[in-house]
Amino acid sequence: MSTAVATDRTAAAPKAAPRGRVTQANVLRSEWTKLWTLRSTRWSLLAAVVAMAGLGILIAAVQMGRWTHLDPHERAVYDSIDTGVGGYHLAQLAIGVLGVLVISGEYSTGMIRSSFMAVPKRLPVLWAKIGVFAAVTFVLMLIASLVSFFGVQAIVTGHHLNHSLGDPHALRVVVGTALFLTVLGILSIGIGGLVRNTAGGIALFVFLLFVLPGITAILPASIADSINPYLPLNAGFTVATSTFENGNHLAPWAGFALFCGYAALAVGAAAIGLLRRDA
């Protein structure tokens, strides 16, 4: 009798809800949620989009308004393709800083421990952060690049300086700008994961991309010319440039490949640190 009662109670007891498996798709959804719930993310991406879409148009409007006052050499070498994507000079700063914050911010708040408790293997968290941020950056920057490019071409039409996407280098520069900024964001995530400190990560990012070229500029010309093409920023933006000031540069896709190598190196170092160091 008691056996029958026990059997009935066992049958009536509710089954425990199955726990969700830790899959890369689930981690991606989690990182998507974390990315868009941060106010700093929205403001940083908005700043990048406005800079990318608006700066080139603003510069083109000023230049066309002062066209007759420009130096003859400036008018002769004017390239509306490069002007059309000139906003990347500001957008890269917003994307780089945000890339560092994507991972260093969690170390600052201690949230990274919760992430690693949910995903004990750790590396899926890094891959998800990179995947989500890279996808968002590429889509937004490609749209902003197209807006800026077509806006600039409309402004310079009166002086017959306009280009179409079918012209040599135009499509490569527009898409290359979005690719450059995307890989820049990945590089920044690697730096943030390696340093694990927001201030330190941003300082290292600024040094590598903006201070280091200034340091090489004060070196003797023979030394600077042999170093400059291989610096991260100089190698990366070759794919986003139509007209080069001089011949001391890598080929567009070769330079971009080197820039991808720098990003892979930073991410690899960050991955090793995730596995070997405590959170």
Protein backbone atom coordinates (compact mmCIF):
# COMPACT_ATOMS: atom_id res chain seq x y z
CA MET A 1 0.00 0.00 0.00
CA SER A 2 2.76 2.41 1.00
CA THR A 3 4.60 1.50 -2.18
CA ALA A 4 1.56 2.43 -4.25
CA VAL A 5 1.17 5.78 -2.46
CA ALA A 6 4.84 6.58 -3.00
CA THR A 7 4.48 5.69 -6.64
CA ASP A 8 1.47 7.98 -6.99
CA ARG A 9 3.30 10.87 -5.32
CA THR A 10 6.29 10.38 -7.57
CA ALA A 11 4.09 10.41 -10.62
CA ALA A 12 2.28 13.54 -9.45
CA ALA A 13 5.45 15.47 -8.60
CA PRO A 14 6.20 18.14 -11.19
CA LYS A 15 9.22 17.54 -13.37
CA ALA A 16 12.13 19.96 -13.00
CA ALA A 17 12.31 22.41 -15.86
CA PRO A 18 15.22 21.59 -18.13
CA ARG A 19 18.10 24.06 -17.95
CA GLY A 20 19.00 25.92 -21.11
CA ARG A 21 22.13 24.69 -22.80
CA VAL A 22 25.07 27.01 -23.20
CA THR A 23 25.32 27.35 -26.96
CA GLN A 24 27.08 29.98 -29.04
CA ALA A 25 23.69 31.19 -30.29
CA ASN A 26 22.49 31.74 -26.72
CA VAL A 27 25.68 33.59 -25.85
CA LEU A 28 25.26 35.77 -28.95
CA ARG A 29 21.74 36.69 -27.87
CA SER A 30 23.01 37.53 -24.40
CA GLU A 31 25.74 39.79 -25.78
CA TRP A 32 23.24 41.47 -28.11
CA THR A 33 21.04 42.26 -25.13
CA LYS A 34 23.95 43.59 -23.10
CA LEU A 35 25.18 45.74 -25.99
CA TRP A 36 21.86 47.49 -26.61
CA THR A 37 20.84 47.96 -22.99
CA LEU A 38 23.85 50.21 -22.30
CA ARG A 39 23.14 53.89 -22.89
CA SER A 40 26.82 54.52 -23.64
CA THR A 41 26.61 52.08 -26.54
CA ARG A 42 23.74 53.92 -28.18
CA TRP A 43 25.38 57.32 -27.78
CA SER A 44 28.76 56.10 -29.05
CA LEU A 45 27.24 54.43 -32.10
CA LEU A 46 25.11 57.51 -32.78
CA ALA A 47 28.25 59.66 -32.63
CA ALA A 48 30.02 57.31 -35.05
CA VAL A 49 27.10 57.32 -37.50
CA VAL A 50 26.70 61.11 -37.41
CA ALA A 51 30.44 61.62 -37.88
CA MET A 52 30.65 59.10 -40.71
CA ALA A 53 27.56 60.33 -42.52
CA GLY A 54 27.88 64.05 -41.89
CA LEU A 55 31.52 65.13 -41.78
CA GLY A 56 32.25 64.47 -45.45
CA ILE A 57 29.11 66.31 -46.53
CA LEU A 58 30.00 69.29 -44.34
CA ILE A 59 33.55 69.43 -45.69
CA ALA A 60 32.34 69.18 -49.30
CA ALA A 61 29.84 71.99 -48.77
CA VAL A 62 32.55 74.26 -47.35
CA GLN A 63 35.01 73.39 -50.13
CA MET A 64 32.50 74.00 -52.91
CA GLY A 65 31.48 77.28 -51.32
CA ARG A 66 35.12 78.41 -51.40
CA TRP A 67 36.06 76.70 -54.66
CA THR A 68 37.33 79.82 -56.40
CA HIS A 69 39.51 80.63 -53.38
CA LEU A 70 41.21 77.24 -53.27
CA ASP A 71 44.79 76.84 -54.41
CA PRO A 72 45.05 75.64 -58.04
CA HIS A 73 46.90 72.54 -56.87
CA GLU A 74 44.11 71.75 -54.39
CA ARG A 75 41.53 71.99 -57.13
CA ALA A 76 43.62 69.84 -59.46
CA VAL A 77 43.98 66.97 -56.97
CA TYR A 78 40.52 67.20 -55.40
CA ASP A 79 38.97 63.74 -55.05
CA SER A 80 35.29 63.58 -54.11
CA ILE A 81 35.60 59.82 -53.41
CA ASP A 82 37.94 60.41 -50.49
CA THR A 83 35.86 63.36 -49.32
CA GLY A 84 32.80 61.14 -49.44
CA VAL A 85 34.22 58.83 -46.77
CA GLY A 86 36.19 61.46 -44.86
CA GLY A 87 33.97 61.02 -41.82
CA TYR A 88 35.94 57.94 -40.80
CA HIS A 89 38.56 60.26 -39.28
CA LEU A 90 36.10 60.99 -36.44
CA ALA A 91 34.09 57.77 -36.53
CA GLN A 92 37.17 55.65 -35.85
CA LEU A 93 37.61 57.30 -32.45
CA ALA A 94 34.03 56.53 -31.37
CA ILE A 95 34.21 52.94 -32.65
CA GLY A 96 37.60 52.32 -31.04
CA VAL A 97 36.61 53.65 -27.63
CA LEU A 98 33.36 51.71 -27.68
CA GLY A 99 35.20 48.53 -28.68
CA VAL A 100 37.40 48.82 -25.61
CA LEU A 101 34.37 49.51 -23.40
CA VAL A 102 32.47 46.47 -24.70
CA ILE A 103 34.69 44.17 -22.66
CA SER A 104 36.63 46.39 -20.23
CA GLY A 105 33.38 47.81 -18.87
CA GLU A 106 32.38 44.37 -17.61
CA TYR A 107 35.70 43.99 -15.82
CA SER A 108 35.20 47.40 -14.19
CA THR A 109 31.72 46.53 -12.87
CA GLY A 110 32.48 42.89 -12.05
CA MET A 111 29.78 41.67 -14.46
CA ILE A 112 32.38 39.60 -16.27
CA ARG A 113 32.30 37.10 -13.38
CA SER A 114 28.60 36.50 -13.95
CA SER A 115 29.25 36.04 -17.66
CA PHE A 116 31.91 33.43 -16.99
CA MET A 117 29.74 31.64 -14.43
CA ALA A 118 27.08 31.28 -17.11
CA VAL A 119 29.67 30.35 -19.77
CA PRO A 120 32.50 28.52 -17.95
CA LYS A 121 34.54 27.94 -21.11
CA ARG A 122 34.93 31.75 -21.42
CA LEU A 123 35.99 31.92 -25.06
CA PRO A 124 32.40 31.81 -26.42
CA VAL A 125 31.84 35.09 -24.56
CA LEU A 126 34.74 36.72 -26.40
CA TRP A 127 33.61 35.34 -29.77
CA ALA A 128 30.07 36.56 -29.14
CA LYS A 129 31.21 40.06 -28.18
CA ILE A 130 33.30 40.26 -31.34
CA GLY A 131 30.56 38.86 -33.57
CA VAL A 132 27.81 41.14 -32.30
CA PHE A 133 29.92 44.29 -32.26
CA ALA A 134 31.45 43.58 -35.68
CA ALA A 135 28.05 42.97 -37.28
CA VAL A 136 26.52 46.12 -35.80
CA THR A 137 29.53 48.23 -36.73
CA PHE A 138 29.72 46.99 -40.32
CA VAL A 139 26.02 47.53 -41.05
CA LEU A 140 25.87 51.00 -39.50
CA MET A 141 29.14 52.19 -41.02
CA LEU A 142 28.28 50.87 -44.48
CA ILE A 143 24.96 52.72 -44.43
CA ALA A 144 26.63 55.88 -43.13
CA SER A 145 29.39 55.62 -45.76
CA LEU A 146 26.84 55.34 -48.55
CA VAL A 147 24.86 58.32 -47.23
CA SER A 148 28.01 60.42 -47.05
CA PHE A 149 29.28 59.31 -50.46
CA PHE A 150 26.07 60.10 -52.33
CA GLY A 151 25.59 63.34 -50.37
CA VAL A 152 29.04 64.55 -51.34
CA GLN A 153 28.56 63.62 -54.99
CA ALA A 154 25.35 65.64 -55.10
CA ILE A 155 27.15 68.69 -53.67
CA VAL A 156 30.13 68.59 -56.06
CA THR A 157 28.04 67.98 -59.19
CA GLY A 158 27.97 71.70 -60.00
CA HIS A 159 31.74 71.64 -60.50
CA HIS A 160 31.65 68.33 -62.40
CA LEU A 161 33.68 66.56 -59.72
CA ASN A 162 31.16 63.86 -58.94
CA HIS A 163 31.74 60.10 -59.15
CA SER A 164 29.50 57.06 -59.18
CA LEU A 165 30.00 53.77 -57.36
CA GLY A 166 30.96 52.25 -60.70
CA ASP A 167 33.99 54.50 -61.08
CA PRO A 168 37.47 53.10 -60.31
CA HIS A 169 38.14 52.71 -56.59
CA ALA A 170 34.74 54.14 -55.52
CA LEU A 171 33.02 50.93 -54.43
CA ARG A 172 36.20 49.60 -52.85
CA VAL A 173 36.63 52.79 -50.82
CA VAL A 174 33.01 52.89 -49.60
CA VAL A 175 32.89 49.23 -48.58
CA GLY A 176 36.52 49.34 -47.44
CA THR A 177 35.72 52.16 -45.03
CA ALA A 178 33.06 50.02 -43.35
CA LEU A 179 35.45 47.07 -43.26
CA PHE A 180 38.27 49.19 -41.82
CA LEU A 181 36.06 50.51 -39.01
CA THR A 182 34.74 47.01 -38.30
CA VAL A 183 38.22 45.52 -37.93
CA LEU A 184 39.20 48.57 -35.88
CA GLY A 185 36.37 47.68 -33.47
CA ILE A 186 37.59 44.08 -33.27
CA LEU A 187 41.13 45.28 -32.57
CA SER A 188 39.78 47.49 -29.79
CA ILE A 189 37.91 44.59 -28.20
CA GLY A 190 41.15 42.63 -28.22
CA ILE A 191 42.95 45.53 -26.55
CA GLY A 192 40.19 45.88 -23.95
CA GLY A 193 40.24 42.16 -23.20
CA LEU A 194 44.01 42.17 -22.90
CA VAL A 195 44.33 45.22 -20.63
CA ARG A 196 41.04 44.67 -18.71
CA ASN A 197 40.92 48.34 -17.73
CA THR A 198 38.94 51.01 -19.54
CA ALA A 199 41.39 53.89 -19.08
CA GLY A 200 44.39 51.70 -19.87
CA GLY A 201 42.71 50.13 -22.90
CA ILE A 202 41.71 53.49 -24.38
CA ALA A 203 45.21 54.86 -23.72
CA LEU A 204 46.80 51.90 -25.53
CA PHE A 205 44.34 52.23 -28.42
CA VAL A 206 45.12 55.94 -28.82
CA PHE A 207 48.87 55.31 -28.60
CA LEU A 208 48.92 52.56 -31.23
CA LEU A 209 46.71 54.31 -33.74
CA PHE A 210 47.31 58.01 -33.25
CA VAL A 211 50.43 58.69 -31.18
CA LEU A 212 52.75 56.13 -32.78
CA PRO A 213 52.47 57.67 -36.29
CA GLY A 214 53.36 61.05 -34.77
CA ILE A 215 56.45 59.57 -33.15
CA THR A 216 57.66 58.05 -36.41
CA ALA A 217 57.11 61.41 -38.13
CA ILE A 218 60.00 62.95 -36.17
CA LEU A 219 62.40 60.17 -37.14
CA PRO A 220 64.80 60.59 -40.08
CA ALA A 221 62.90 60.32 -43.34
CA SER A 222 64.65 57.12 -44.44
CA ILE A 223 63.66 55.35 -41.23
CA ALA A 224 60.13 56.78 -41.11
CA ASP A 225 59.44 55.79 -44.73
CA SER A 226 60.38 52.18 -44.00
CA ILE A 227 58.19 52.01 -40.86
CA ASN A 228 55.11 54.08 -41.67
CA PRO A 229 53.41 51.74 -44.17
CA TYR A 230 53.35 48.96 -41.58
CA LEU A 231 51.85 50.89 -38.68
CA PRO A 232 48.30 49.71 -37.83
CA LEU A 233 46.42 52.85 -38.87
CA ASN A 234 48.49 53.49 -42.00
CA ALA A 235 48.08 49.89 -43.12
CA GLY A 236 44.37 49.79 -42.36
CA PHE A 237 43.12 52.89 -44.08
CA THR A 238 44.74 52.05 -47.43
CA VAL A 239 41.54 50.17 -48.24
CA ALA A 240 39.53 53.33 -47.49
CA THR A 241 41.63 55.66 -49.66
CA SER A 242 41.32 56.46 -53.35
CA THR A 243 44.17 58.94 -53.85
CA PHE A 244 47.42 58.63 -51.89
CA GLU A 245 49.63 61.62 -51.13
CA ASN A 246 52.78 59.67 -52.01
CA GLY A 247 53.89 56.23 -53.11
CA ASN A 248 55.08 55.17 -49.65
CA HIS A 249 52.19 52.89 -48.79
CA LEU A 250 51.06 49.28 -49.08
CA ALA A 251 48.59 48.12 -51.69
CA PRO A 252 44.99 48.58 -50.44
CA TRP A 253 44.10 44.96 -49.76
CA ALA A 254 47.63 44.06 -48.61
CA GLY A 255 47.52 46.86 -46.07
CA PHE A 256 44.06 45.79 -44.93
CA ALA A 257 45.24 42.19 -44.57
CA LEU A 258 48.09 43.39 -42.33
CA PHE A 259 45.60 45.40 -40.28
CA CYS A 260 43.46 42.26 -39.88
CA GLY A 261 46.61 40.51 -38.68
CA TYR A 262 47.09 43.13 -35.97
CA ALA A 263 43.47 42.62 -34.89
CA ALA A 264 43.88 38.84 -34.85
CA LEU A 265 47.03 39.21 -32.74
CA ALA A 266 45.23 41.39 -30.19
CA VAL A 267 42.24 39.05 -30.03
CA GLY A 268 44.51 36.01 -29.72
CA ALA A 269 46.39 37.61 -26.82
CA ALA A 270 43.09 38.48 -25.15
CA ALA A 271 41.85 34.89 -25.61
CA ILE A 272 44.97 33.45 -23.99
CA GLY A 273 44.55 35.89 -21.12
CA LEU A 274 40.92 34.82 -20.63
CA LEU A 275 41.97 31.20 -20.28
CA ARG A 276 45.00 31.73 -18.06
CA ARG A 277 44.05 34.65 -15.82
CA ASP A 278 41.34 34.97 -13.21
CA ALA A 279 38.41 37.24 -13.94
